[in-house]
């Protein structure tokens, strides 16, 4: 059984302490890779793996890292993991790697990673750091998936390459909303998700 502290560490970022809608971190990549669900899923999985593993590595090294160079060490750890994930994607999912393009490499500068390394991994053990990394990665991926599902479904009528909106809808005059595929809609949808999240949580708090 998990303790309450462990549950909060793992599950808190999914809702009450979500890195995107509460801490407003990782917004840039959330806006950039959500035109389709597939790259959003891959980005979410990649960030989750990198946050979790970098948290564990930095936690294990925290007592040996001089404070004056800790940021450099953290960046080296994250850069190594990002490079590894990038090469694996190019080997086994080249088309998705090309879709993610520069945003995959920019995981190195993702505020979520550096924030968790500084705020959690540097002061907690490896197990708790792993759970914190997984929780924040899942919380980040959750927002990406929500936004990507809405944009791809309403923008093209498909999800993961499968036609979801039936043909008879188009036969009766339905048209895809091309605006959903525009970059500005990602920002608007993330704003709507933030608004909905805060409204729900404010009501529950009262």
N, C-alpha and C. Protein backbone atom coordinates (compact mmCIF):
# COMPACT_ATOMS: atom_id res chain seq x y z
N UNK A 1 0.84 -1.21 0.00
CA UNK A 1 0.00 0.00 0.00
C UNK A 1 0.88 1.26 0.00
N UNK A 2 0.47 2.25 -0.78
CA UNK A 2 1.21 3.50 -0.85
C UNK A 2 0.77 4.43 0.28
N UNK A 3 1.72 5.13 0.88
CA UNK A 3 1.39 6.10 1.91
C UNK A 3 0.72 7.31 1.26
N UNK A 4 0.12 8.15 2.11
CA UNK A 4 -0.55 9.34 1.59
C UNK A 4 0.43 10.27 0.91
N UNK A 5 1.64 10.38 1.48
CA UNK A 5 2.67 11.23 0.89
C UNK A 5 3.06 10.72 -0.49
N UNK A 6 3.19 9.39 -0.61
CA UNK A 6 3.56 8.79 -1.89
C UNK A 6 2.45 8.99 -2.92
N UNK A 7 1.20 8.83 -2.49
CA UNK A 7 0.07 9.05 -3.40
C UNK A 7 0.04 10.50 -3.89
N UNK A 8 0.29 11.43 -2.97
CA UNK A 8 0.28 12.84 -3.36
C UNK A 8 1.40 13.14 -4.35
N UNK A 9 2.55 12.51 -4.14
CA UNK A 9 3.69 12.72 -5.03
C UNK A 9 3.39 12.21 -6.43
N UNK A 10 2.76 11.04 -6.51
CA UNK A 10 2.48 10.41 -7.81
C UNK A 10 1.23 10.98 -8.48
N UNK A 11 0.17 11.19 -7.71
CA UNK A 11 -1.12 11.56 -8.30
C UNK A 11 -1.41 13.06 -8.27
N UNK A 12 -0.71 13.79 -7.39
CA UNK A 12 -0.95 15.23 -7.30
C UNK A 12 -0.80 15.96 -8.61
N UNK A 13 0.26 15.68 -9.40
CA UNK A 13 0.44 16.39 -10.67
C UNK A 13 -0.62 16.09 -11.73
N UNK A 14 -1.43 15.08 -11.51
CA UNK A 14 -2.49 14.79 -12.48
C UNK A 14 -3.63 15.80 -12.37
N UNK A 15 -3.76 16.43 -11.20
CA UNK A 15 -4.88 17.34 -11.02
C UNK A 15 -4.49 18.58 -10.22
N UNK A 16 -4.38 18.43 -8.89
CA UNK A 16 -4.21 19.59 -8.01
C UNK A 16 -2.92 20.35 -8.25
N UNK A 17 -1.88 19.67 -8.70
CA UNK A 17 -0.59 20.34 -8.91
C UNK A 17 -0.07 20.06 -10.32
N UNK A 18 -0.99 20.05 -11.28
CA UNK A 18 -0.60 19.76 -12.67
C UNK A 18 0.43 20.76 -13.17
N UNK A 19 1.52 20.29 -13.77
CA UNK A 19 2.59 21.22 -14.19
C UNK A 19 2.18 22.21 -15.27
N UNK A 20 1.20 21.84 -16.11
CA UNK A 20 0.80 22.72 -17.21
C UNK A 20 -0.28 23.70 -16.78
N UNK A 21 -1.38 23.20 -16.22
CA UNK A 21 -2.53 24.06 -15.94
C UNK A 21 -2.45 24.75 -14.59
N UNK A 22 -1.61 24.28 -13.68
CA UNK A 22 -1.48 24.92 -12.38
C UNK A 22 -0.17 25.70 -12.29
N UNK A 23 0.95 25.03 -12.63
CA UNK A 23 2.25 25.69 -12.54
C UNK A 23 2.60 26.46 -13.81
N UNK A 24 1.82 26.25 -14.89
CA UNK A 24 2.04 26.92 -16.18
C UNK A 24 3.46 26.67 -16.67
N UNK A 25 3.87 25.41 -16.67
CA UNK A 25 5.17 25.01 -17.18
C UNK A 25 4.99 24.14 -18.43
N UNK A 26 5.96 24.16 -19.30
CA UNK A 26 5.91 23.31 -20.48
C UNK A 26 4.87 23.72 -21.50
N UNK A 27 4.44 24.98 -21.46
CA UNK A 27 3.38 25.44 -22.35
C UNK A 27 3.83 25.42 -23.82
N UNK A 28 5.07 25.79 -24.08
CA UNK A 28 5.53 25.92 -25.47
C UNK A 28 5.37 24.62 -26.25
N UNK A 29 5.87 23.52 -25.68
CA UNK A 29 5.74 22.24 -26.38
C UNK A 29 4.30 21.76 -26.40
N UNK A 30 3.53 22.12 -25.37
CA UNK A 30 2.11 21.75 -25.36
C UNK A 30 1.36 22.40 -26.51
N UNK A 31 1.79 23.60 -26.90
CA UNK A 31 1.16 24.30 -28.03
C UNK A 31 1.66 23.77 -29.36
N UNK A 32 2.89 23.28 -29.40
CA UNK A 32 3.55 22.98 -30.67
C UNK A 32 3.25 21.60 -31.23
N UNK A 33 2.96 20.62 -30.38
CA UNK A 33 2.88 19.23 -30.86
C UNK A 33 1.49 18.63 -30.74
N UNK A 34 0.45 19.48 -30.63
CA UNK A 34 -0.89 18.94 -30.39
C UNK A 34 -1.81 19.02 -31.59
N UNK A 35 -1.25 19.20 -32.78
CA UNK A 35 -2.11 19.20 -33.98
C UNK A 35 -2.70 17.81 -34.19
N UNK A 36 -1.92 16.79 -33.88
CA UNK A 36 -2.38 15.41 -34.00
C UNK A 36 -2.11 14.67 -32.70
N UNK A 37 -2.88 13.61 -32.46
CA UNK A 37 -2.77 12.87 -31.20
C UNK A 37 -1.48 12.07 -31.12
N UNK A 38 -1.03 11.50 -32.25
CA UNK A 38 0.14 10.61 -32.23
C UNK A 38 1.40 11.32 -31.74
N UNK A 39 1.79 12.46 -32.33
CA UNK A 39 2.98 13.14 -31.80
C UNK A 39 2.81 13.64 -30.38
N UNK A 40 1.58 14.00 -30.00
CA UNK A 40 1.33 14.44 -28.63
C UNK A 40 1.57 13.29 -27.65
N UNK A 41 1.10 12.09 -28.01
CA UNK A 41 1.33 10.92 -27.17
C UNK A 41 2.82 10.60 -27.05
N UNK A 42 3.50 10.65 -28.18
CA UNK A 42 4.94 10.34 -28.16
C UNK A 42 5.70 11.36 -27.33
N UNK A 43 5.36 12.64 -27.50
CA UNK A 43 6.02 13.68 -26.71
C UNK A 43 5.74 13.48 -25.22
N UNK A 44 4.50 13.16 -24.88
CA UNK A 44 4.14 12.94 -23.49
C UNK A 44 4.91 11.78 -22.88
N UNK A 45 5.01 10.68 -23.64
CA UNK A 45 5.76 9.51 -23.16
C UNK A 45 7.24 9.84 -23.02
N UNK A 46 7.79 10.56 -24.01
CA UNK A 46 9.21 10.92 -23.98
C UNK A 46 9.53 11.79 -22.77
N UNK A 47 8.70 12.81 -22.53
CA UNK A 47 8.93 13.69 -21.39
C UNK A 47 8.80 12.93 -20.07
N UNK A 48 7.81 12.03 -19.99
CA UNK A 48 7.63 11.24 -18.78
C UNK A 48 8.86 10.40 -18.48
N UNK A 49 9.38 9.71 -19.49
CA UNK A 49 10.57 8.88 -19.31
C UNK A 49 11.77 9.73 -18.88
N UNK A 50 11.95 10.87 -19.55
CA UNK A 50 13.11 11.71 -19.28
C UNK A 50 13.02 12.35 -17.89
N UNK A 51 11.83 12.84 -17.51
CA UNK A 51 11.68 13.44 -16.19
C UNK A 51 11.93 12.40 -15.10
N UNK A 52 11.34 11.21 -15.26
CA UNK A 52 11.49 10.16 -14.25
C UNK A 52 12.94 9.73 -14.11
N UNK A 53 13.60 9.45 -15.23
CA UNK A 53 14.97 8.95 -15.17
C UNK A 53 15.95 10.02 -14.71
N UNK A 54 15.77 11.25 -15.16
CA UNK A 54 16.67 12.32 -14.72
C UNK A 54 16.48 12.60 -13.24
N UNK A 55 15.24 12.52 -12.76
CA UNK A 55 14.99 12.68 -11.33
C UNK A 55 15.76 11.63 -10.52
N UNK A 56 15.68 10.39 -10.97
CA UNK A 56 16.35 9.29 -10.26
C UNK A 56 17.86 9.50 -10.27
N UNK A 57 18.41 9.81 -11.43
CA UNK A 57 19.88 9.97 -11.54
C UNK A 57 20.38 11.12 -10.68
N UNK A 58 19.70 12.26 -10.76
CA UNK A 58 20.12 13.42 -9.97
C UNK A 58 19.94 13.16 -8.48
N UNK A 59 18.87 12.44 -8.12
CA UNK A 59 18.67 12.10 -6.71
C UNK A 59 19.80 11.23 -6.18
N UNK A 60 20.22 10.26 -6.99
CA UNK A 60 21.32 9.38 -6.58
C UNK A 60 22.64 10.13 -6.46
N UNK A 61 22.81 11.18 -7.27
CA UNK A 61 24.07 11.93 -7.28
C UNK A 61 24.04 13.18 -6.40
N UNK A 62 22.88 13.48 -5.80
CA UNK A 62 22.70 14.78 -5.16
C UNK A 62 23.73 15.09 -4.08
N UNK A 63 24.18 14.07 -3.36
CA UNK A 63 25.14 14.31 -2.28
C UNK A 63 26.58 14.48 -2.77
N UNK A 64 26.80 14.21 -4.04
CA UNK A 64 28.15 14.34 -4.60
C UNK A 64 28.28 15.51 -5.56
N UNK A 65 27.16 16.19 -5.84
CA UNK A 65 27.18 17.31 -6.79
C UNK A 65 27.46 18.61 -6.04
N UNK A 66 28.56 19.30 -6.36
CA UNK A 66 28.80 20.62 -5.75
C UNK A 66 27.68 21.59 -6.14
N UNK A 67 27.19 22.34 -5.19
CA UNK A 67 26.07 23.23 -5.43
C UNK A 67 26.33 24.24 -6.55
N UNK A 68 27.58 24.67 -6.68
CA UNK A 68 27.89 25.72 -7.66
C UNK A 68 27.81 25.21 -9.11
N UNK A 69 27.83 23.88 -9.30
CA UNK A 69 27.76 23.35 -10.66
C UNK A 69 26.54 22.44 -10.84
N UNK A 70 25.59 22.50 -9.93
CA UNK A 70 24.47 21.56 -9.97
C UNK A 70 23.63 21.73 -11.24
N UNK A 71 23.43 22.97 -11.69
CA UNK A 71 22.63 23.21 -12.90
C UNK A 71 23.31 22.59 -14.11
N UNK A 72 24.62 22.72 -14.19
CA UNK A 72 25.37 22.14 -15.31
C UNK A 72 25.23 20.63 -15.32
N UNK A 73 25.36 20.02 -14.13
CA UNK A 73 25.23 18.55 -14.03
C UNK A 73 23.83 18.13 -14.43
N UNK A 74 22.82 18.85 -13.98
CA UNK A 74 21.44 18.52 -14.33
C UNK A 74 21.22 18.61 -15.84
N UNK A 75 21.75 19.64 -16.45
CA UNK A 75 21.61 19.80 -17.90
C UNK A 75 22.30 18.67 -18.66
N UNK A 76 23.46 18.25 -18.18
CA UNK A 76 24.17 17.15 -18.83
C UNK A 76 23.37 15.86 -18.75
N UNK A 77 22.79 15.59 -17.58
CA UNK A 77 21.97 14.38 -17.40
C UNK A 77 20.77 14.41 -18.34
N UNK A 78 20.06 15.55 -18.37
CA UNK A 78 18.88 15.68 -19.22
C UNK A 78 19.26 15.59 -20.69
N UNK A 79 20.34 16.25 -21.08
CA UNK A 79 20.77 16.23 -22.49
C UNK A 79 21.10 14.82 -22.94
N UNK A 80 21.76 14.05 -22.08
CA UNK A 80 22.11 12.66 -22.42
C UNK A 80 20.85 11.82 -22.62
N UNK A 81 19.88 12.00 -21.75
CA UNK A 81 18.63 11.23 -21.86
C UNK A 81 17.82 11.66 -23.08
N UNK A 82 17.78 12.96 -23.36
CA UNK A 82 17.06 13.45 -24.54
C UNK A 82 17.70 12.90 -25.81
N UNK A 83 19.00 12.90 -25.86
CA UNK A 83 19.70 12.36 -27.04
C UNK A 83 19.39 10.89 -27.22
N UNK A 84 19.38 10.14 -26.13
CA UNK A 84 19.08 8.71 -26.20
C UNK A 84 17.66 8.47 -26.71
N UNK A 85 16.70 9.20 -26.14
CA UNK A 85 15.30 9.05 -26.57
C UNK A 85 15.14 9.46 -28.02
N UNK A 86 15.80 10.54 -28.42
CA UNK A 86 15.71 11.01 -29.80
C UNK A 86 16.23 9.98 -30.78
N UNK A 87 17.35 9.35 -30.46
CA UNK A 87 17.92 8.33 -31.36
C UNK A 87 17.03 7.10 -31.44
N UNK A 88 16.43 6.72 -30.32
CA UNK A 88 15.52 5.57 -30.31
C UNK A 88 14.31 5.87 -31.20
N UNK A 89 13.76 7.08 -31.08
CA UNK A 89 12.62 7.47 -31.91
C UNK A 89 12.97 7.47 -33.40
N UNK A 90 14.15 7.98 -33.73
CA UNK A 90 14.57 8.01 -35.13
C UNK A 90 14.74 6.60 -35.68
N UNK A 91 15.12 5.67 -34.81
CA UNK A 91 15.33 4.29 -35.24
C UNK A 91 14.01 3.53 -35.41
N UNK A 92 13.03 3.80 -34.55
CA UNK A 92 11.81 2.99 -34.54
C UNK A 92 10.54 3.75 -34.91
N UNK A 93 10.58 5.07 -34.90
CA UNK A 93 9.40 5.86 -35.28
C UNK A 93 9.87 7.14 -35.95
N UNK A 94 10.52 6.97 -37.10
CA UNK A 94 11.18 8.10 -37.77
C UNK A 94 10.19 9.20 -38.15
N UNK A 95 9.00 8.81 -38.63
CA UNK A 95 8.03 9.81 -39.06
C UNK A 95 7.59 10.70 -37.89
N UNK A 96 7.39 10.08 -36.72
CA UNK A 96 6.99 10.86 -35.54
C UNK A 96 8.14 11.75 -35.09
N UNK A 97 9.36 11.22 -35.15
CA UNK A 97 10.54 12.02 -34.77
C UNK A 97 10.65 13.25 -35.65
N UNK A 98 10.34 13.11 -36.93
CA UNK A 98 10.40 14.26 -37.84
C UNK A 98 9.26 15.24 -37.56
N UNK A 99 8.09 14.73 -37.14
CA UNK A 99 6.98 15.61 -36.79
C UNK A 99 7.32 16.44 -35.56
N UNK A 100 7.95 15.80 -34.59
CA UNK A 100 8.32 16.50 -33.37
C UNK A 100 9.47 17.47 -33.63
N UNK A 101 10.33 17.08 -34.57
CA UNK A 101 11.41 17.95 -35.05
C UNK A 101 12.20 18.57 -33.90
N UNK A 102 12.33 19.89 -33.94
CA UNK A 102 13.17 20.59 -32.97
C UNK A 102 12.61 20.52 -31.56
N UNK A 103 11.29 20.28 -31.43
CA UNK A 103 10.68 20.28 -30.10
C UNK A 103 11.16 19.12 -29.25
N UNK A 104 11.58 18.05 -29.89
CA UNK A 104 12.13 16.92 -29.15
C UNK A 104 13.43 17.31 -28.47
N UNK A 105 14.29 17.99 -29.20
CA UNK A 105 15.54 18.45 -28.63
C UNK A 105 15.34 19.51 -27.55
N UNK A 106 14.27 20.29 -27.69
CA UNK A 106 14.01 21.36 -26.73
C UNK A 106 13.48 20.84 -25.40
N UNK A 107 13.27 19.52 -25.29
CA UNK A 107 12.92 18.94 -23.99
C UNK A 107 14.00 19.29 -22.97
N UNK A 108 15.24 19.44 -23.47
CA UNK A 108 16.36 19.77 -22.58
C UNK A 108 16.06 21.03 -21.78
N UNK A 109 15.37 22.00 -22.39
CA UNK A 109 15.10 23.26 -21.71
C UNK A 109 13.68 23.32 -21.14
N UNK A 110 12.97 22.20 -21.14
CA UNK A 110 11.61 22.18 -20.63
C UNK A 110 11.61 22.56 -19.15
N UNK A 111 10.81 23.54 -18.80
CA UNK A 111 10.79 24.04 -17.42
C UNK A 111 10.38 22.97 -16.42
N UNK A 112 9.57 22.02 -16.85
CA UNK A 112 9.12 20.96 -15.94
C UNK A 112 10.32 20.15 -15.45
N UNK A 113 11.20 19.79 -16.37
CA UNK A 113 12.36 18.97 -15.99
C UNK A 113 13.24 19.69 -14.99
N UNK A 114 13.68 20.90 -15.34
CA UNK A 114 14.58 21.63 -14.46
C UNK A 114 13.91 21.97 -13.14
N UNK A 115 12.61 22.25 -13.20
CA UNK A 115 11.88 22.55 -11.98
C UNK A 115 11.83 21.38 -11.02
N UNK A 116 11.56 20.17 -11.55
CA UNK A 116 11.49 18.99 -10.68
C UNK A 116 12.86 18.60 -10.16
N UNK A 117 13.89 18.76 -10.98
CA UNK A 117 15.24 18.43 -10.53
C UNK A 117 15.65 19.34 -9.38
N UNK A 118 15.37 20.63 -9.51
CA UNK A 118 15.76 21.59 -8.49
C UNK A 118 14.88 21.47 -7.25
N UNK A 119 13.57 21.36 -7.46
CA UNK A 119 12.64 21.42 -6.34
C UNK A 119 12.46 20.09 -5.62
N UNK A 120 12.73 18.98 -6.32
CA UNK A 120 12.43 17.69 -5.70
C UNK A 120 13.62 16.74 -5.66
N UNK A 121 14.19 16.45 -6.82
CA UNK A 121 15.23 15.42 -6.88
C UNK A 121 16.46 15.77 -6.04
N UNK A 122 16.78 17.04 -5.92
CA UNK A 122 17.96 17.46 -5.18
C UNK A 122 17.79 17.30 -3.67
N UNK A 123 16.56 17.05 -3.22
CA UNK A 123 16.32 16.96 -1.78
C UNK A 123 15.58 15.70 -1.35
N UNK A 124 15.33 14.77 -2.29
CA UNK A 124 14.58 13.57 -1.95
C UNK A 124 15.28 12.32 -2.47
N UNK A 125 14.86 11.16 -1.94
CA UNK A 125 15.49 9.90 -2.34
C UNK A 125 15.05 9.47 -3.73
N UNK A 126 15.69 8.44 -4.25
CA UNK A 126 15.48 8.02 -5.64
C UNK A 126 14.06 7.53 -5.88
N UNK A 127 13.48 6.79 -4.94
CA UNK A 127 12.13 6.23 -5.13
C UNK A 127 11.10 7.36 -5.22
N UNK A 128 11.15 8.28 -4.27
CA UNK A 128 10.21 9.41 -4.31
C UNK A 128 10.43 10.26 -5.55
N UNK A 129 11.68 10.41 -5.95
CA UNK A 129 11.99 11.20 -7.14
C UNK A 129 11.44 10.53 -8.40
N UNK A 130 11.50 9.19 -8.44
CA UNK A 130 10.92 8.46 -9.57
C UNK A 130 9.42 8.69 -9.65
N UNK A 131 8.74 8.59 -8.51
CA UNK A 131 7.29 8.80 -8.50
C UNK A 131 6.94 10.24 -8.88
N UNK A 132 7.73 11.19 -8.40
CA UNK A 132 7.50 12.59 -8.74
C UNK A 132 7.67 12.81 -10.24
N UNK A 133 8.70 12.20 -10.82
CA UNK A 133 8.92 12.33 -12.26
C UNK A 133 7.81 11.71 -13.08
N UNK A 134 7.37 10.53 -12.66
CA UNK A 134 6.27 9.87 -13.36
C UNK A 134 4.98 10.68 -13.25
N UNK A 135 4.70 11.18 -12.05
CA UNK A 135 3.47 11.96 -11.85
C UNK A 135 3.45 13.22 -12.69
N UNK A 136 4.56 13.96 -12.71
CA UNK A 136 4.61 15.19 -13.49
C UNK A 136 4.62 14.91 -14.99
N UNK A 137 5.26 13.80 -15.39
CA UNK A 137 5.23 13.42 -16.80
C UNK A 137 3.83 13.05 -17.26
N UNK A 138 3.13 12.28 -16.43
CA UNK A 138 1.75 11.89 -16.76
C UNK A 138 0.83 13.11 -16.79
N UNK A 139 1.05 14.04 -15.83
CA UNK A 139 0.23 15.25 -15.79
C UNK A 139 0.42 16.10 -17.03
N UNK A 140 1.66 16.21 -17.47
CA UNK A 140 1.98 16.93 -18.70
C UNK A 140 1.36 16.24 -19.91
N UNK A 141 1.53 14.91 -19.98
CA UNK A 141 1.00 14.15 -21.12
C UNK A 141 -0.52 14.23 -21.19
N UNK A 142 -1.16 14.25 -20.02
CA UNK A 142 -2.62 14.31 -19.97
C UNK A 142 -3.15 15.56 -20.68
N UNK A 143 -2.53 16.71 -20.42
CA UNK A 143 -2.98 17.95 -21.05
C UNK A 143 -2.72 17.91 -22.55
N UNK A 144 -1.56 17.38 -22.95
CA UNK A 144 -1.26 17.25 -24.38
C UNK A 144 -2.30 16.39 -25.08
N UNK A 145 -2.67 15.29 -24.46
CA UNK A 145 -3.65 14.38 -25.08
C UNK A 145 -5.01 15.04 -25.19
N UNK A 146 -5.45 15.73 -24.14
CA UNK A 146 -6.75 16.40 -24.18
C UNK A 146 -6.81 17.41 -25.32
N UNK A 147 -5.79 18.25 -25.42
CA UNK A 147 -5.77 19.28 -26.46
C UNK A 147 -5.65 18.65 -27.84
N UNK A 148 -4.81 17.62 -27.98
CA UNK A 148 -4.61 16.98 -29.28
C UNK A 148 -5.86 16.26 -29.76
N UNK A 149 -6.58 15.61 -28.86
CA UNK A 149 -7.83 14.92 -29.23
C UNK A 149 -8.83 15.92 -29.80
N UNK A 150 -9.01 17.04 -29.11
CA UNK A 150 -9.97 18.05 -29.57
C UNK A 150 -9.55 18.62 -30.93
N UNK A 151 -8.27 18.96 -31.07
CA UNK A 151 -7.80 19.59 -32.31
C UNK A 151 -7.88 18.62 -33.50
N UNK A 152 -7.41 17.39 -33.32
CA UNK A 152 -7.42 16.46 -34.45
C UNK A 152 -8.83 16.02 -34.80
N UNK A 153 -9.65 15.78 -33.77
CA UNK A 153 -11.02 15.32 -34.02
C UNK A 153 -11.84 16.37 -34.75
N UNK A 154 -11.81 17.60 -34.24
CA UNK A 154 -12.61 18.65 -34.87
C UNK A 154 -11.95 19.23 -36.11
N UNK A 155 -10.63 19.11 -36.19
CA UNK A 155 -9.93 19.67 -37.33
C UNK A 155 -9.89 18.78 -38.54
N UNK A 156 -9.85 17.45 -38.32
CA UNK A 156 -9.77 16.53 -39.46
C UNK A 156 -10.76 15.37 -39.39
N UNK A 157 -11.47 15.26 -38.28
CA UNK A 157 -12.45 14.18 -38.14
C UNK A 157 -11.82 12.82 -37.86
N UNK A 158 -10.52 12.82 -37.54
CA UNK A 158 -9.80 11.56 -37.32
C UNK A 158 -9.10 11.57 -35.97
N UNK A 159 -8.72 10.36 -35.53
CA UNK A 159 -7.86 10.18 -34.38
C UNK A 159 -6.91 9.03 -34.68
N UNK A 160 -5.61 9.31 -34.59
CA UNK A 160 -4.59 8.28 -34.85
C UNK A 160 -4.75 7.66 -36.24
N UNK A 161 -5.22 8.45 -37.20
CA UNK A 161 -5.36 7.98 -38.57
C UNK A 161 -6.67 7.28 -38.87
N UNK A 162 -7.52 7.10 -37.86
CA UNK A 162 -8.80 6.43 -38.06
C UNK A 162 -9.92 7.47 -38.14
N UNK A 163 -10.82 7.29 -39.12
CA UNK A 163 -11.94 8.21 -39.28
C UNK A 163 -12.92 8.01 -38.13
N UNK A 164 -13.15 9.05 -37.34
CA UNK A 164 -14.03 8.96 -36.18
C UNK A 164 -15.40 9.55 -36.50
N UNK A 165 -15.40 10.71 -37.12
CA UNK A 165 -16.68 11.32 -37.52
C UNK A 165 -17.17 10.61 -38.77
N UNK A 166 -18.34 9.99 -38.72
CA UNK A 166 -18.81 9.17 -39.84
C UNK A 166 -19.09 9.97 -41.11
N UNK A 167 -19.04 9.28 -42.23
CA UNK A 167 -19.22 9.93 -43.52
C UNK A 167 -20.58 10.58 -43.67
N UNK A 168 -21.61 9.99 -43.04
CA UNK A 168 -22.96 10.54 -43.20
C UNK A 168 -23.06 11.96 -42.63
N UNK A 169 -22.20 12.29 -41.65
CA UNK A 169 -22.19 13.65 -41.13
C UNK A 169 -21.75 14.64 -42.21
N UNK A 170 -20.71 14.23 -42.97
CA UNK A 170 -20.24 15.09 -44.06
C UNK A 170 -21.28 15.16 -45.17
N UNK A 171 -21.97 14.05 -45.41
CA UNK A 171 -23.01 14.02 -46.44
C UNK A 171 -24.16 14.96 -46.10
N UNK A 172 -24.36 15.22 -44.80
CA UNK A 172 -25.45 16.10 -44.37
C UNK A 172 -24.96 17.52 -44.06
N UNK A 173 -23.76 17.85 -44.53
CA UNK A 173 -23.32 19.23 -44.43
C UNK A 173 -22.25 19.54 -43.39
N UNK A 174 -21.83 18.54 -42.61
CA UNK A 174 -20.80 18.81 -41.60
C UNK A 174 -19.45 19.08 -42.29
N UNK A 175 -18.71 20.04 -41.77
CA UNK A 175 -17.38 20.34 -42.28
C UNK A 175 -16.38 20.40 -41.13
N UNK A 176 -15.18 19.94 -41.42
CA UNK A 176 -14.13 20.01 -40.41
C UNK A 176 -13.79 21.47 -40.12
N UNK A 177 -13.42 21.73 -38.88
CA UNK A 177 -13.07 23.09 -38.47
C UNK A 177 -11.58 23.31 -38.70
N UNK A 178 -11.24 23.92 -39.80
CA UNK A 178 -9.84 24.12 -40.15
C UNK A 178 -9.09 24.97 -39.14
N UNK A 179 -9.80 25.80 -38.40
CA UNK A 179 -9.14 26.65 -37.41
C UNK A 179 -8.46 25.83 -36.32
N UNK A 180 -9.00 24.63 -36.06
CA UNK A 180 -8.42 23.78 -35.02
C UNK A 180 -6.98 23.37 -35.33
N UNK A 181 -6.62 23.40 -36.58
CA UNK A 181 -5.27 23.00 -36.98
C UNK A 181 -4.29 24.17 -36.97
N UNK A 182 -4.80 25.36 -36.66
CA UNK A 182 -3.95 26.54 -36.62
C UNK A 182 -3.29 26.66 -35.24
N UNK A 183 -2.06 27.17 -35.18
CA UNK A 183 -1.33 27.28 -33.89
C UNK A 183 -2.11 28.05 -32.82
N UNK A 184 -2.84 29.08 -33.22
CA UNK A 184 -3.53 29.91 -32.23
C UNK A 184 -4.56 29.11 -31.44
N UNK A 185 -5.17 28.09 -32.07
CA UNK A 185 -6.19 27.31 -31.39
C UNK A 185 -5.61 26.49 -30.25
N UNK A 186 -4.35 26.11 -30.36
CA UNK A 186 -3.71 25.38 -29.26
C UNK A 186 -3.68 26.25 -28.01
N UNK A 187 -3.31 27.51 -28.18
CA UNK A 187 -3.26 28.44 -27.05
C UNK A 187 -4.65 28.65 -26.46
N UNK A 188 -5.65 28.80 -27.33
CA UNK A 188 -7.02 29.01 -26.86
C UNK A 188 -7.52 27.79 -26.10
N UNK A 189 -7.24 26.59 -26.62
CA UNK A 189 -7.70 25.37 -25.96
C UNK A 189 -7.00 25.15 -24.62
N UNK A 190 -5.69 25.41 -24.58
CA UNK A 190 -4.99 25.29 -23.30
C UNK A 190 -5.57 26.27 -22.29
N UNK A 191 -5.89 27.48 -22.74
CA UNK A 191 -6.54 28.45 -21.87
C UNK A 191 -7.88 27.95 -21.36
N UNK A 192 -8.65 27.30 -22.24
CA UNK A 192 -9.96 26.75 -21.84
C UNK A 192 -9.79 25.62 -20.83
N UNK A 193 -8.78 24.79 -21.04
CA UNK A 193 -8.51 23.69 -20.10
C UNK A 193 -8.12 24.26 -18.73
N UNK A 194 -7.27 25.29 -18.72
CA UNK A 194 -6.88 25.93 -17.46
C UNK A 194 -8.10 26.51 -16.76
N UNK A 195 -8.96 27.20 -17.52
CA UNK A 195 -10.17 27.79 -16.95
C UNK A 195 -11.08 26.72 -16.37
N UNK A 196 -11.31 25.62 -17.12
CA UNK A 196 -12.18 24.55 -16.65
C UNK A 196 -11.60 23.88 -15.40
N UNK A 197 -10.30 23.63 -15.42
CA UNK A 197 -9.64 22.99 -14.28
C UNK A 197 -9.79 23.84 -13.02
N UNK A 198 -9.54 25.14 -13.14
CA UNK A 198 -9.60 26.00 -11.96
C UNK A 198 -11.04 26.20 -11.48
N UNK A 199 -11.99 26.23 -12.42
CA UNK A 199 -13.40 26.37 -12.03
C UNK A 199 -13.86 25.15 -11.25
N UNK A 200 -13.52 23.96 -11.73
CA UNK A 200 -13.91 22.73 -11.06
C UNK A 200 -13.27 22.64 -9.68
N UNK A 201 -11.98 22.93 -9.61
CA UNK A 201 -11.28 22.81 -8.33
C UNK A 201 -11.70 23.88 -7.34
N UNK A 202 -12.04 25.07 -7.81
CA UNK A 202 -12.54 26.11 -6.92
C UNK A 202 -13.89 25.72 -6.31
N UNK A 203 -14.75 25.10 -7.12
CA UNK A 203 -16.06 24.65 -6.62
C UNK A 203 -15.88 23.55 -5.58
N UNK A 204 -14.94 22.61 -5.84
CA UNK A 204 -14.71 21.54 -4.89
C UNK A 204 -14.14 22.07 -3.58
N UNK A 205 -13.27 23.09 -3.69
CA UNK A 205 -12.67 23.68 -2.48
C UNK A 205 -13.72 24.36 -1.60
N UNK A 206 -14.72 24.95 -2.26
CA UNK A 206 -15.79 25.61 -1.50
C UNK A 206 -16.75 24.60 -0.89
